[in-house]
Amino acid sequence: MKEIAQIGLLIILSATIIFHVLVLVKIIPYKIVWGGRLKTDADMYKFELVSLVLNLFFLCVIAIKAGIFKVDFPANILNYIIWGMAALFLLNTIGNLLSKSSLEKKIFTPITILLTIFLVILLLAK
């Protein structure tokens, strides 16, 4: 189960990074992200750059936990970061449910739930 969670996290986070890049270059309209609340390109660039950096960080954390990146990092601190990620994705799920964008509700709510579940599995697996 741990391996499935690791692979699932790596795939979903990688796809999320690609998605945010596509929003940044305006291939995907920014009206469907951030709860439909972004009004200007400047807002979009600020929020999407933060999302991109955070998701790159999350991907690196999971790659370290999975042993893909060979980094000497204290396991307990790594686990605290992953618990924080799980909490963040759980809160993000609530935000998605409250979104003005039906696309965000229908697509991103299940994704953030799945990310949360995979993170908890990764933390609790022996």
N, C-alpha and C. Protein backbone atom coordinates (compact mmCIF):
# COMPACT_ATOMS: atom_id res chain seq x y z
N MET A 1 0.82 -1.20 0.00
CA MET A 1 0.00 0.00 0.00
C MET A 1 0.87 1.27 0.00
N LYS A 2 2.00 1.20 0.71
CA LYS A 2 2.91 2.34 0.78
C LYS A 2 3.41 2.72 -0.61
N GLU A 3 3.76 1.71 -1.41
CA GLU A 3 4.29 1.97 -2.75
C GLU A 3 3.22 2.61 -3.64
N ILE A 4 1.98 2.14 -3.51
CA ILE A 4 0.89 2.72 -4.28
C ILE A 4 0.70 4.19 -3.89
N ALA A 5 0.76 4.47 -2.60
CA ALA A 5 0.63 5.85 -2.12
C ALA A 5 1.76 6.72 -2.66
N GLN A 6 2.99 6.21 -2.62
CA GLN A 6 4.13 6.98 -3.13
C GLN A 6 3.97 7.28 -4.61
N ILE A 7 3.65 6.26 -5.39
CA ILE A 7 3.50 6.45 -6.83
C ILE A 7 2.33 7.39 -7.11
N GLY A 8 1.22 7.18 -6.40
CA GLY A 8 0.07 8.07 -6.58
C GLY A 8 0.40 9.52 -6.29
N LEU A 9 1.11 9.75 -5.20
CA LEU A 9 1.52 11.11 -4.84
C LEU A 9 2.43 11.72 -5.89
N LEU A 10 3.41 10.95 -6.34
CA LEU A 10 4.34 11.46 -7.35
C LEU A 10 3.62 11.81 -8.65
N ILE A 11 2.69 10.97 -9.06
CA ILE A 11 1.95 11.22 -10.30
C ILE A 11 1.03 12.43 -10.15
N ILE A 12 0.25 12.47 -9.07
CA ILE A 12 -0.70 13.57 -8.90
C ILE A 12 0.03 14.90 -8.73
N LEU A 13 1.09 14.93 -7.93
CA LEU A 13 1.83 16.18 -7.74
C LEU A 13 2.50 16.63 -9.03
N SER A 14 3.03 15.70 -9.81
CA SER A 14 3.63 16.06 -11.11
C SER A 14 2.57 16.63 -12.04
N ALA A 15 1.41 15.99 -12.09
CA ALA A 15 0.31 16.48 -12.93
C ALA A 15 -0.16 17.86 -12.47
N THR A 16 -0.17 18.07 -11.16
CA THR A 16 -0.58 19.36 -10.60
C THR A 16 0.40 20.45 -11.01
N ILE A 17 1.67 20.14 -11.00
CA ILE A 17 2.69 21.11 -11.43
C ILE A 17 2.47 21.47 -12.89
N ILE A 18 2.25 20.48 -13.72
CA ILE A 18 1.98 20.74 -15.15
C ILE A 18 0.73 21.61 -15.28
N PHE A 19 -0.31 21.29 -14.53
CA PHE A 19 -1.55 22.07 -14.56
C PHE A 19 -1.27 23.53 -14.22
N HIS A 20 -0.52 23.80 -13.15
CA HIS A 20 -0.25 25.18 -12.75
C HIS A 20 0.60 25.91 -13.79
N VAL A 21 1.51 25.22 -14.43
CA VAL A 21 2.28 25.84 -15.52
C VAL A 21 1.33 26.22 -16.66
N LEU A 22 0.39 25.34 -16.99
CA LEU A 22 -0.58 25.63 -18.06
C LEU A 22 -1.49 26.81 -17.70
N VAL A 23 -1.80 26.97 -16.42
CA VAL A 23 -2.57 28.15 -15.99
C VAL A 23 -1.69 29.39 -16.14
N LEU A 24 -0.44 29.31 -15.72
CA LEU A 24 0.47 30.46 -15.80
C LEU A 24 0.67 30.94 -17.23
N VAL A 25 0.72 30.02 -18.18
CA VAL A 25 0.92 30.42 -19.59
C VAL A 25 -0.41 30.61 -20.31
N LYS A 26 -1.50 30.61 -19.55
CA LYS A 26 -2.85 30.92 -20.01
C LYS A 26 -3.42 29.93 -21.02
N ILE A 27 -2.94 28.70 -20.99
CA ILE A 27 -3.57 27.65 -21.80
C ILE A 27 -4.84 27.20 -21.10
N ILE A 28 -4.79 27.16 -19.78
CA ILE A 28 -5.97 26.86 -18.96
C ILE A 28 -6.41 28.18 -18.32
N PRO A 29 -7.69 28.54 -18.45
CA PRO A 29 -8.15 29.82 -17.89
C PRO A 29 -8.09 29.83 -16.36
N TYR A 30 -7.62 30.94 -15.81
CA TYR A 30 -7.48 31.02 -14.36
C TYR A 30 -8.80 31.19 -13.63
N LYS A 31 -9.88 31.36 -14.34
CA LYS A 31 -11.20 31.48 -13.71
C LYS A 31 -11.62 30.18 -13.02
N ILE A 32 -11.00 29.05 -13.41
CA ILE A 32 -11.40 27.77 -12.83
C ILE A 32 -10.57 27.37 -11.61
N VAL A 33 -9.63 28.22 -11.22
CA VAL A 33 -8.81 27.91 -10.04
C VAL A 33 -9.04 28.95 -8.95
N TRP A 34 -8.56 28.65 -7.77
CA TRP A 34 -8.66 29.54 -6.62
C TRP A 34 -10.10 29.93 -6.34
N GLY A 35 -10.98 28.98 -6.49
CA GLY A 35 -12.38 29.19 -6.15
C GLY A 35 -13.09 30.16 -7.08
N GLY A 36 -12.49 30.44 -8.24
CA GLY A 36 -13.09 31.38 -9.18
C GLY A 36 -12.99 32.82 -8.72
N ARG A 37 -12.11 33.09 -7.76
CA ARG A 37 -12.03 34.42 -7.16
C ARG A 37 -10.97 35.33 -7.77
N LEU A 38 -10.12 34.81 -8.63
CA LEU A 38 -9.08 35.65 -9.23
C LEU A 38 -9.71 36.55 -10.29
N LYS A 39 -9.34 37.83 -10.26
CA LYS A 39 -9.95 38.80 -11.17
C LYS A 39 -8.97 39.37 -12.19
N THR A 40 -7.68 39.35 -11.88
CA THR A 40 -6.71 39.96 -12.79
C THR A 40 -5.56 39.00 -13.07
N ASP A 41 -4.85 39.29 -14.16
CA ASP A 41 -3.65 38.50 -14.48
C ASP A 41 -2.63 38.60 -13.35
N ALA A 42 -2.48 39.79 -12.77
CA ALA A 42 -1.51 39.97 -11.69
C ALA A 42 -1.84 39.06 -10.51
N ASP A 43 -3.12 38.99 -10.15
CA ASP A 43 -3.53 38.08 -9.08
C ASP A 43 -3.18 36.64 -9.43
N MET A 44 -3.48 36.27 -10.66
CA MET A 44 -3.23 34.90 -11.11
C MET A 44 -1.75 34.56 -11.00
N TYR A 45 -0.88 35.48 -11.47
CA TYR A 45 0.55 35.20 -11.42
C TYR A 45 1.03 35.02 -9.98
N LYS A 46 0.55 35.86 -9.07
CA LYS A 46 0.96 35.74 -7.67
C LYS A 46 0.52 34.39 -7.08
N PHE A 47 -0.73 34.08 -7.23
CA PHE A 47 -1.27 32.86 -6.63
C PHE A 47 -0.72 31.60 -7.29
N GLU A 48 -0.61 31.62 -8.60
CA GLU A 48 -0.14 30.44 -9.32
C GLU A 48 1.35 30.19 -9.08
N LEU A 49 2.14 31.25 -8.95
CA LEU A 49 3.56 31.04 -8.64
C LEU A 49 3.72 30.42 -7.25
N VAL A 50 2.92 30.87 -6.30
CA VAL A 50 2.95 30.27 -4.97
C VAL A 50 2.56 28.80 -5.06
N SER A 51 1.50 28.50 -5.80
CA SER A 51 1.07 27.10 -5.98
C SER A 51 2.15 26.26 -6.62
N LEU A 52 2.78 26.80 -7.63
CA LEU A 52 3.83 26.07 -8.34
C LEU A 52 5.00 25.76 -7.41
N VAL A 53 5.46 26.76 -6.68
CA VAL A 53 6.58 26.56 -5.76
C VAL A 53 6.22 25.55 -4.66
N LEU A 54 5.03 25.68 -4.09
CA LEU A 54 4.60 24.74 -3.05
C LEU A 54 4.52 23.31 -3.58
N ASN A 55 3.95 23.14 -4.77
CA ASN A 55 3.83 21.79 -5.33
C ASN A 55 5.19 21.20 -5.70
N LEU A 56 6.11 22.03 -6.14
CA LEU A 56 7.48 21.54 -6.38
C LEU A 56 8.12 21.10 -5.07
N PHE A 57 7.91 21.88 -4.01
CA PHE A 57 8.41 21.50 -2.69
C PHE A 57 7.78 20.19 -2.24
N PHE A 58 6.46 20.06 -2.38
CA PHE A 58 5.77 18.83 -1.98
C PHE A 58 6.30 17.63 -2.76
N LEU A 59 6.53 17.81 -4.05
CA LEU A 59 7.05 16.72 -4.88
C LEU A 59 8.44 16.30 -4.38
N CYS A 60 9.27 17.28 -4.05
CA CYS A 60 10.61 16.96 -3.53
C CYS A 60 10.53 16.22 -2.19
N VAL A 61 9.62 16.64 -1.32
CA VAL A 61 9.44 15.97 -0.03
C VAL A 61 9.07 14.51 -0.24
N ILE A 62 8.12 14.25 -1.13
CA ILE A 62 7.69 12.88 -1.38
C ILE A 62 8.81 12.09 -2.06
N ALA A 63 9.55 12.72 -2.94
CA ALA A 63 10.68 12.03 -3.59
C ALA A 63 11.75 11.66 -2.56
N ILE A 64 11.96 12.50 -1.57
CA ILE A 64 12.91 12.17 -0.49
C ILE A 64 12.37 11.02 0.34
N LYS A 65 11.10 11.11 0.72
CA LYS A 65 10.48 10.06 1.54
C LYS A 65 10.49 8.71 0.80
N ALA A 66 10.30 8.75 -0.51
CA ALA A 66 10.27 7.52 -1.32
C ALA A 66 11.67 6.99 -1.63
N GLY A 67 12.70 7.77 -1.28
CA GLY A 67 14.07 7.34 -1.55
C GLY A 67 14.55 7.63 -2.95
N ILE A 68 13.79 8.41 -3.70
CA ILE A 68 14.19 8.78 -5.07
C ILE A 68 15.31 9.80 -5.01
N PHE A 69 15.15 10.81 -4.16
CA PHE A 69 16.21 11.78 -3.91
C PHE A 69 16.96 11.31 -2.67
N LYS A 70 18.23 11.08 -2.82
CA LYS A 70 19.06 10.61 -1.70
C LYS A 70 19.56 11.82 -0.92
N VAL A 71 18.77 12.23 0.04
CA VAL A 71 19.09 13.40 0.85
C VAL A 71 19.10 12.97 2.31
N ASP A 72 20.14 13.37 3.03
CA ASP A 72 20.22 13.06 4.45
C ASP A 72 19.38 14.09 5.20
N PHE A 73 18.15 13.72 5.47
CA PHE A 73 17.19 14.62 6.10
C PHE A 73 16.55 13.88 7.27
N PRO A 74 16.45 14.50 8.44
CA PRO A 74 15.87 13.81 9.59
C PRO A 74 14.45 13.31 9.30
N ALA A 75 14.24 12.02 9.53
CA ALA A 75 12.95 11.39 9.22
C ALA A 75 11.80 12.01 9.99
N ASN A 76 12.04 12.38 11.25
CA ASN A 76 10.95 12.95 12.04
C ASN A 76 10.50 14.31 11.49
N ILE A 77 11.45 15.12 11.04
CA ILE A 77 11.10 16.42 10.46
C ILE A 77 10.37 16.22 9.13
N LEU A 78 10.83 15.26 8.34
CA LEU A 78 10.17 14.94 7.08
C LEU A 78 8.72 14.51 7.34
N ASN A 79 8.52 13.70 8.37
CA ASN A 79 7.16 13.27 8.71
C ASN A 79 6.29 14.43 9.19
N TYR A 80 6.86 15.37 9.94
CA TYR A 80 6.09 16.55 10.35
C TYR A 80 5.66 17.36 9.12
N ILE A 81 6.56 17.50 8.17
CA ILE A 81 6.23 18.22 6.93
C ILE A 81 5.09 17.51 6.20
N ILE A 82 5.16 16.19 6.14
CA ILE A 82 4.12 15.42 5.44
C ILE A 82 2.79 15.52 6.17
N TRP A 83 2.81 15.51 7.50
CA TRP A 83 1.56 15.72 8.25
C TRP A 83 0.99 17.11 7.93
N GLY A 84 1.87 18.10 7.84
CA GLY A 84 1.42 19.45 7.45
C GLY A 84 0.81 19.47 6.06
N MET A 85 1.43 18.72 5.15
CA MET A 85 0.88 18.62 3.80
C MET A 85 -0.51 17.99 3.83
N ALA A 86 -0.67 16.94 4.62
CA ALA A 86 -1.97 16.26 4.73
C ALA A 86 -3.03 17.24 5.26
N ALA A 87 -2.67 18.01 6.28
CA ALA A 87 -3.60 19.00 6.83
C ALA A 87 -3.95 20.06 5.79
N LEU A 88 -2.94 20.51 5.06
CA LEU A 88 -3.17 21.52 4.02
C LEU A 88 -4.11 21.00 2.93
N PHE A 89 -3.89 19.76 2.48
CA PHE A 89 -4.75 19.20 1.44
C PHE A 89 -6.16 18.95 1.96
N LEU A 90 -6.28 18.62 3.23
CA LEU A 90 -7.61 18.46 3.82
C LEU A 90 -8.35 19.80 3.83
N LEU A 91 -7.65 20.86 4.22
CA LEU A 91 -8.24 22.21 4.19
C LEU A 91 -8.55 22.63 2.75
N ASN A 92 -7.67 22.25 1.83
CA ASN A 92 -7.89 22.56 0.41
C ASN A 92 -9.16 21.87 -0.09
N THR A 93 -9.42 20.66 0.40
CA THR A 93 -10.64 19.95 0.03
C THR A 93 -11.87 20.76 0.44
N ILE A 94 -11.84 21.31 1.63
CA ILE A 94 -12.95 22.15 2.10
C ILE A 94 -13.09 23.37 1.21
N GLY A 95 -11.96 23.99 0.87
CA GLY A 95 -11.98 25.14 -0.04
C GLY A 95 -12.55 24.78 -1.40
N ASN A 96 -12.19 23.62 -1.91
CA ASN A 96 -12.73 23.18 -3.20
C ASN A 96 -14.24 22.99 -3.13
N LEU A 97 -14.71 22.44 -2.03
CA LEU A 97 -16.16 22.24 -1.87
C LEU A 97 -16.91 23.56 -1.83
N LEU A 98 -16.25 24.62 -1.37
CA LEU A 98 -16.87 25.95 -1.28
C LEU A 98 -16.62 26.80 -2.52
N SER A 99 -15.93 26.25 -3.50
CA SER A 99 -15.56 26.98 -4.71
C SER A 99 -16.77 27.42 -5.51
N LYS A 100 -16.63 28.55 -6.20
CA LYS A 100 -17.65 29.03 -7.13
C LYS A 100 -17.59 28.24 -8.44
N SER A 101 -16.47 27.59 -8.68
CA SER A 101 -16.26 26.85 -9.92
C SER A 101 -16.71 25.40 -9.75
N SER A 102 -17.71 25.00 -10.55
CA SER A 102 -18.18 23.62 -10.45
C SER A 102 -17.10 22.64 -10.90
N LEU A 103 -16.26 23.06 -11.84
CA LEU A 103 -15.16 22.22 -12.30
C LEU A 103 -14.19 21.95 -11.15
N GLU A 104 -13.91 22.99 -10.39
CA GLU A 104 -13.01 22.83 -9.24
C GLU A 104 -13.62 21.88 -8.21
N LYS A 105 -14.92 22.01 -7.98
CA LYS A 105 -15.60 21.12 -7.04
C LYS A 105 -15.54 19.67 -7.51
N LYS A 106 -15.85 19.44 -8.76
CA LYS A 106 -15.99 18.08 -9.28
C LYS A 106 -14.66 17.38 -9.52
N ILE A 107 -13.64 18.13 -9.93
CA ILE A 107 -12.35 17.51 -10.27
C ILE A 107 -11.36 17.58 -9.12
N PHE A 108 -11.20 18.76 -8.54
CA PHE A 108 -10.13 18.94 -7.56
C PHE A 108 -10.48 18.45 -6.16
N THR A 109 -11.76 18.41 -5.83
CA THR A 109 -12.13 17.86 -4.52
C THR A 109 -11.70 16.40 -4.38
N PRO A 110 -12.03 15.53 -5.34
CA PRO A 110 -11.55 14.14 -5.22
C PRO A 110 -10.03 14.02 -5.23
N ILE A 111 -9.37 14.90 -5.98
CA ILE A 111 -7.90 14.84 -6.04
C ILE A 111 -7.30 15.19 -4.69
N THR A 112 -7.80 16.24 -4.05
CA THR A 112 -7.23 16.62 -2.75
C THR A 112 -7.57 15.59 -1.67
N ILE A 113 -8.74 14.97 -1.77
CA ILE A 113 -9.07 13.88 -0.84
C ILE A 113 -8.08 12.72 -1.03
N LEU A 114 -7.83 12.37 -2.28
CA LEU A 114 -6.90 11.28 -2.58
C LEU A 114 -5.49 11.61 -2.10
N LEU A 115 -5.05 12.85 -2.31
CA LEU A 115 -3.73 13.26 -1.81
C LEU A 115 -3.65 13.11 -0.29
N THR A 116 -4.68 13.54 0.40
CA THR A 116 -4.71 13.42 1.86
C THR A 116 -4.62 11.96 2.29
N ILE A 117 -5.41 11.11 1.66
CA ILE A 117 -5.40 9.68 1.99
C ILE A 117 -4.02 9.08 1.73
N PHE A 118 -3.45 9.36 0.56
CA PHE A 118 -2.12 8.83 0.23
C PHE A 118 -1.07 9.30 1.24
N LEU A 119 -1.14 10.56 1.65
CA LEU A 119 -0.17 11.07 2.62
C LEU A 119 -0.30 10.36 3.96
N VAL A 120 -1.51 10.14 4.41
CA VAL A 120 -1.73 9.44 5.68
C VAL A 120 -1.24 8.00 5.57
N ILE A 121 -1.52 7.35 4.45
CA ILE A 121 -1.02 5.98 4.24
C ILE A 121 0.50 5.96 4.31
N LEU A 122 1.13 6.91 3.63
CA LEU A 122 2.59 6.99 3.62
C LEU A 122 3.14 7.16 5.03
N LEU A 123 2.48 7.96 5.83
CA LEU A 123 2.94 8.20 7.20
C LEU A 123 2.71 7.01 8.13
N LEU A 124 1.62 6.30 7.94
CA LEU A 124 1.27 5.21 8.86
C LEU A 124 1.84 3.86 8.44
N ALA A 125 2.28 3.75 7.20
CA ALA A 125 2.82 2.47 6.70
C ALA A 125 4.14 2.15 7.39
N LYS A 126 4.35 0.89 7.64
CA LYS A 126 5.59 0.44 8.28
C LYS A 126 6.65 0.18 7.23
